[in-house]
Protein backbone atom coordinates (compact mmCIF):
# COMPACT_ATOMS: atom_id res chain seq x y z
CA MET A 1 173.44 82.25 94.23
CA ALA A 2 170.02 80.65 94.03
CA ILE A 3 168.43 83.32 91.82
CA PRO A 4 169.59 84.44 88.37
CA GLY A 5 170.58 88.09 88.39
CA TRP A 6 171.12 88.17 92.14
CA ALA A 7 174.26 90.28 91.84
CA THR A 8 172.39 93.15 90.20
CA MET A 9 169.24 93.01 92.35
CA ASN A 10 168.49 95.90 94.68
CA GLN A 11 167.86 95.29 98.37
CA ALA A 12 164.08 95.25 98.05
CA ALA A 13 164.21 92.55 95.39
CA ARG A 14 166.61 90.45 97.44
CA ASP A 15 164.38 90.73 100.48
CA ALA A 16 161.30 89.80 98.46
CA ALA A 17 163.05 86.71 97.07
CA TYR A 18 162.83 85.11 100.53
CA ASN A 19 159.68 86.74 101.93
CA ASN A 20 157.10 83.96 101.99
CA ASN A 21 154.50 85.95 103.91
CA LEU A 22 154.57 88.62 101.22
CA ALA A 23 154.51 86.11 98.37
CA VAL A 24 151.42 84.24 99.63
CA LYS A 25 148.61 86.78 99.66
CA ASN A 26 146.44 84.93 102.20
CA SER A 27 149.36 83.92 104.41
CA ALA A 28 147.89 85.64 107.48
CA GLU A 29 144.67 83.67 107.13
CA LEU A 30 146.54 80.40 106.63
CA ILE A 31 148.74 81.04 109.66
CA GLU A 32 145.75 81.91 111.85
CA ARG A 33 143.98 78.73 110.75
CA ARG A 34 147.10 76.66 111.39
CA ASN A 35 147.62 78.05 114.86
CA ALA A 36 143.99 77.45 115.83
CA ALA A 37 144.14 73.84 114.64
CA ALA A 38 147.36 73.29 116.58
CA ALA A 39 145.91 74.76 119.78
CA ALA A 40 142.86 72.51 119.51
CA PHE A 41 145.05 69.45 118.96
CA ARG A 42 147.23 70.23 121.97
CA LYS A 43 144.14 70.71 124.13
CA ALA A 44 142.88 67.29 123.07
CA HIS A 45 146.28 65.60 123.64
CA PRO A 46 147.75 67.06 126.85
CA ALA A 47 149.73 64.06 128.11
CA GLY A 48 153.12 64.69 126.50
CA LEU A 49 153.27 68.46 126.26
CA ASP A 50 156.16 70.72 127.27
CA VAL A 51 158.70 67.99 128.00
CA PRO A 52 162.16 69.57 128.44
CA TYR A 53 165.27 68.25 126.70
CA GLY A 54 167.45 71.10 127.97
CA SER A 55 167.42 74.00 130.39
CA ALA A 56 166.56 76.87 128.02
CA PRO A 57 162.89 77.96 127.87
CA ARG A 58 162.29 76.80 124.29
CA GLN A 59 164.18 73.52 124.64
CA LYS A 60 161.05 71.43 124.95
CA TRP A 61 159.13 68.72 123.13
CA ASP A 62 155.47 68.10 122.49
CA LEU A 63 155.35 64.29 122.41
CA PHE A 64 152.42 62.38 120.92
CA ALA A 65 152.93 58.69 121.57
CA ALA A 66 151.38 55.87 119.57
CA ARG A 67 149.98 52.76 121.24
CA ASP A 68 153.11 50.87 120.23
CA ALA A 69 156.30 52.36 121.68
CA ALA A 70 158.25 50.68 118.89
CA ALA A 71 156.21 52.40 116.16
CA PRO A 72 157.99 54.78 113.78
CA CYS A 73 158.30 58.34 115.06
CA LEU A 74 158.13 61.55 113.04
CA VAL A 75 160.19 64.37 114.51
CA PHE A 76 158.97 67.72 113.21
CA ILE A 77 161.07 70.91 113.30
CA HIS A 78 159.11 74.11 112.79
CA GLY A 79 160.11 76.94 110.48
CA GLY A 80 160.22 80.71 110.73
CA TYR A 81 163.66 81.53 109.30
CA TRP A 82 165.30 80.42 112.58
CA GLN A 83 163.89 83.53 114.33
CA ARG A 84 160.14 83.11 114.87
CA ASN A 85 157.28 80.63 115.46
CA THR A 86 157.03 77.89 118.06
CA ARG A 87 156.59 74.12 118.14
CA GLU A 88 153.13 74.64 119.67
CA ASP A 89 151.78 76.18 116.47
CA PHE A 90 152.38 73.00 114.46
CA ALA A 91 151.11 70.31 116.85
CA HIS A 92 148.17 69.27 114.66
CA LEU A 93 150.57 68.10 111.94
CA ALA A 94 151.05 65.00 114.10
CA GLU A 95 147.59 63.80 113.05
CA GLY A 96 148.64 62.64 109.59
CA VAL A 97 151.21 60.06 110.64
CA MET A 98 149.41 59.14 113.85
CA ALA A 99 146.49 57.91 111.75
CA HIS A 100 148.93 55.26 110.48
CA GLY A 101 150.07 54.17 113.94
CA TRP A 102 153.13 56.42 114.18
CA SER A 103 154.23 58.59 117.07
CA ALA A 104 155.11 62.24 116.53
CA ALA A 105 157.46 64.59 118.36
CA MET A 106 157.41 68.34 117.80
CA VAL A 107 160.65 70.00 118.89
CA GLY A 108 161.27 73.57 120.02
CA TYR A 109 164.53 75.50 119.93
CA THR A 110 166.00 78.86 120.88
CA LEU A 111 165.54 81.53 118.23
CA ALA A 112 167.94 84.05 116.75
CA PRO A 113 169.24 86.51 117.81
CA ASP A 114 169.36 84.85 121.24
CA VAL A 115 171.67 82.17 119.82
CA THR A 116 173.82 81.80 116.73
CA LEU A 117 172.70 79.50 113.94
CA GLU A 118 175.54 77.15 114.83
CA ALA A 119 174.24 76.88 118.39
CA LEU A 120 170.69 76.45 117.12
CA VAL A 121 171.69 73.49 114.95
CA GLY A 122 173.41 72.09 118.01
CA GLU A 123 170.17 72.29 119.97
CA ILE A 124 168.41 70.05 117.44
CA SER A 125 171.20 67.50 117.78
CA GLN A 126 170.86 67.80 121.55
CA SER A 127 167.14 67.12 121.30
CA LEU A 128 167.77 63.99 119.24
CA ASP A 129 170.32 62.82 121.81
CA TRP A 130 167.63 63.24 124.43
CA LEU A 131 165.09 61.36 122.33
CA GLY A 132 167.45 58.42 121.95
CA GLN A 133 168.09 58.31 125.68
CA ASN A 134 164.60 59.11 127.00
CA GLY A 135 162.07 58.28 124.30
CA ALA A 136 161.28 54.89 125.80
CA LYS A 137 160.24 56.55 129.06
CA HIS A 138 157.60 58.41 127.11
CA ARG A 139 156.56 55.36 125.09
CA LEU A 140 157.85 56.52 121.71
CA ALA A 141 160.85 56.49 119.35
CA GLY A 142 161.59 52.84 119.96
CA GLY A 143 161.62 52.21 116.21
CA SER A 144 162.60 54.21 113.13
CA VAL A 145 162.90 57.98 113.49
CA VAL A 146 162.20 60.24 110.52
CA VAL A 147 163.44 63.78 111.09
CA SER A 148 161.29 66.27 109.20
CA GLY A 149 161.04 70.01 109.03
CA TRP A 150 159.47 72.86 107.11
CA SER A 151 161.16 76.01 105.80
CA ALA A 152 164.03 76.73 108.23
CA GLY A 153 163.04 73.41 109.79
CA GLY A 154 163.77 71.77 106.44
CA HIS A 155 167.29 73.14 106.69
CA LEU A 156 167.59 71.82 110.26
CA ALA A 157 166.29 68.40 109.20
CA ALA A 158 168.96 68.22 106.49
CA MET A 159 171.61 69.32 108.99
CA THR A 160 170.69 66.56 111.46
CA LEU A 161 170.14 63.71 108.99
CA SER A 162 173.51 62.32 110.05
CA HIS A 163 172.48 61.98 113.69
CA PRO A 164 172.81 58.32 114.78
CA ARG A 165 169.22 58.16 116.04
CA VAL A 166 167.82 59.31 112.68
CA THR A 167 166.74 56.72 110.12
CA ALA A 168 165.63 59.04 107.32
CA GLY A 169 164.70 62.65 106.58
CA LEU A 170 161.87 64.67 105.08
CA ALA A 171 162.83 68.26 104.20
CA ILE A 172 159.86 70.44 103.25
CA SER A 173 160.30 73.83 101.54
CA GLY A 174 163.79 74.15 102.95
CA VAL A 175 166.66 76.61 102.62
CA PHE A 176 169.87 74.76 101.81
CA GLU A 177 172.27 77.54 100.76
CA LEU A 178 172.83 80.35 103.26
CA ALA A 179 174.92 82.81 101.26
CA PRO A 180 171.94 84.71 99.79
CA ILE A 181 170.21 84.82 103.20
CA ARG A 182 173.15 86.84 104.48
CA GLU A 183 172.30 89.57 101.97
CA THR A 184 168.62 89.95 102.95
CA TYR A 185 166.58 91.41 105.80
CA LEU A 186 166.75 88.02 107.51
CA ASP A 187 170.38 88.51 108.50
CA GLU A 188 169.56 91.35 110.88
CA LYS A 189 168.90 88.74 113.57
CA LEU A 190 170.90 85.82 112.20
CA ARG A 191 174.19 87.70 111.73
CA LEU A 192 175.62 84.83 109.72
CA THR A 193 179.40 84.48 109.59
CA ASP A 194 181.57 83.22 106.74
CA ASP A 195 182.16 80.04 108.71
CA GLU A 196 178.44 79.44 109.28
CA VAL A 197 177.68 79.87 105.57
CA ALA A 198 180.40 77.35 104.76
CA THR A 199 179.60 74.77 107.44
CA LEU A 200 175.82 75.09 107.84
CA SER A 201 174.71 75.15 104.18
CA PRO A 202 173.63 71.59 103.29
CA LEU A 203 174.52 72.25 99.65
CA ARG A 204 178.16 72.69 100.69
CA LEU A 205 178.44 69.66 102.96
CA PRO A 206 179.26 66.00 102.34
CA VAL A 207 176.20 64.01 101.30
CA VAL A 208 174.67 61.86 104.04
CA GLN A 209 173.93 58.38 102.74
CA LYS A 210 170.52 58.01 104.37
CA PRO A 211 167.12 58.26 102.66
CA MET A 212 165.76 61.79 102.47
CA ALA A 213 162.72 63.05 100.60
CA ILE A 214 162.94 66.69 99.53
CA ALA A 215 159.58 68.37 98.96
CA TYR A 216 158.49 71.79 97.77
CA GLY A 217 155.30 73.43 96.52
CA THR A 218 155.13 74.26 92.85
CA ASN A 219 153.92 77.75 93.83
CA GLU A 220 156.89 78.40 96.14
CA LEU A 221 159.32 81.27 95.72
CA PRO A 222 161.94 80.40 93.07
CA ALA A 223 164.81 80.52 95.56
CA LEU A 224 163.32 77.72 97.65
CA VAL A 225 162.42 75.64 94.61
CA THR A 226 165.98 75.98 93.32
CA ASP A 227 167.49 74.99 96.66
CA SER A 228 165.34 71.86 96.84
CA ARG A 229 166.15 70.82 93.28
CA ASP A 230 169.85 71.51 93.75
CA LEU A 231 170.09 69.51 96.97
CA HIS A 232 168.28 66.56 95.44
CA ALA A 233 170.53 66.69 92.37
CA ARG A 234 173.61 66.75 94.57
CA ARG A 235 172.40 63.83 96.63
CA SER A 236 171.42 61.85 93.54
CA ALA A 237 174.85 62.40 91.99
CA ALA A 238 176.37 60.92 95.15
CA GLY A 239 174.04 57.93 95.07
CA ALA A 240 172.03 58.95 98.15
CA PRO A 241 168.43 57.63 98.18
CA GLY A 242 165.25 59.66 98.35
CA PRO A 243 162.82 61.37 95.96
CA LEU A 244 162.32 64.96 94.90
CA LEU A 245 158.65 65.78 95.53
CA PRO A 246 157.16 68.84 93.84
CA ILE A 247 153.66 69.14 95.35
CA PRO A 248 151.36 70.54 92.63
CA GLY A 249 149.40 73.70 93.36
CA THR A 250 150.78 74.27 96.86
CA ASP A 251 152.60 77.27 98.25
CA HIS A 252 154.90 77.70 101.23
CA PHE A 253 152.02 77.46 103.70
CA SER A 254 149.42 75.24 102.06
CA ILE A 255 151.99 72.47 101.51
CA LEU A 256 151.76 71.61 105.21
CA GLU A 257 148.25 70.24 104.71
CA GLU A 258 149.93 67.35 102.90
CA LEU A 259 151.54 66.42 106.22
CA HIS A 260 148.40 67.08 108.25
CA ARG A 261 146.03 64.87 106.25
CA SER A 262 146.34 61.12 106.71
CA ASP A 263 146.18 60.71 102.91
CA GLY A 264 148.54 63.62 102.24
CA ALA A 265 151.50 63.31 99.90
CA LEU A 266 153.99 64.13 102.65
CA VAL A 267 152.54 61.51 104.97
CA ALA A 268 152.93 58.98 102.18
CA ALA A 269 156.49 60.18 101.61
CA ALA A 270 157.40 59.74 105.26
CA ARG A 271 155.99 56.23 105.30
CA ALA A 272 157.80 55.29 102.09
CA LEU A 273 161.15 56.35 103.55
CA ILE A 274 161.12 53.46 105.96
CA GLY A 275 158.93 51.11 103.91
């Protein structure tokens, strides 16, 4: 388990170990600010919004193309413990890499409990299939593709690093071991099975030999910090490239500013992955 003493913790302590909204006292303010910035960005960039990659309502992209269709493309997978949030609320994060001539693609997916986690991971692979086949029609993803994600999206980025269209990965504040999740309030909607814990926990899977940066805020919950450190250690032991990036002074929500700003540490990390 990710946290020392997990076996003797009561339910409230286990739930708190993964409750980022509770841990960050001004989380509501940060979320409101994020959503407003994303709405303003989408309003200013309407051309590539709501592009479907499948038939389900949430199976859509927001595509922000660079001038050069062959420019690198950052795919961003939103978080929300696989059961909340939308791609629309993170659109402004495209600004950071776009300032350097990149494209950005924000992907949506069906949320639990409407699908299993296994099916949800499959949707991200489906979206990347679509991007490989149709990106050129939308003037993006002709060059390197960096799959990135935050929180649950960090888990999904790690799970899809092996996709043939993906060049490298950037996992931000991710969850990489699912066993503890099964013993928290989060499992009410996820309903994780033994098989899903075994086959969808990146810390239990063969290491993918592609570059991946693994980032976390130094003020994150210990469980997420431990997962990030453990995954990087496992990858390093297998000779897989990519840095571990503790971002000083950031928490689970403020860390995203490092992807939003053109001079942010996560923007620099994404660029270095394909440099």
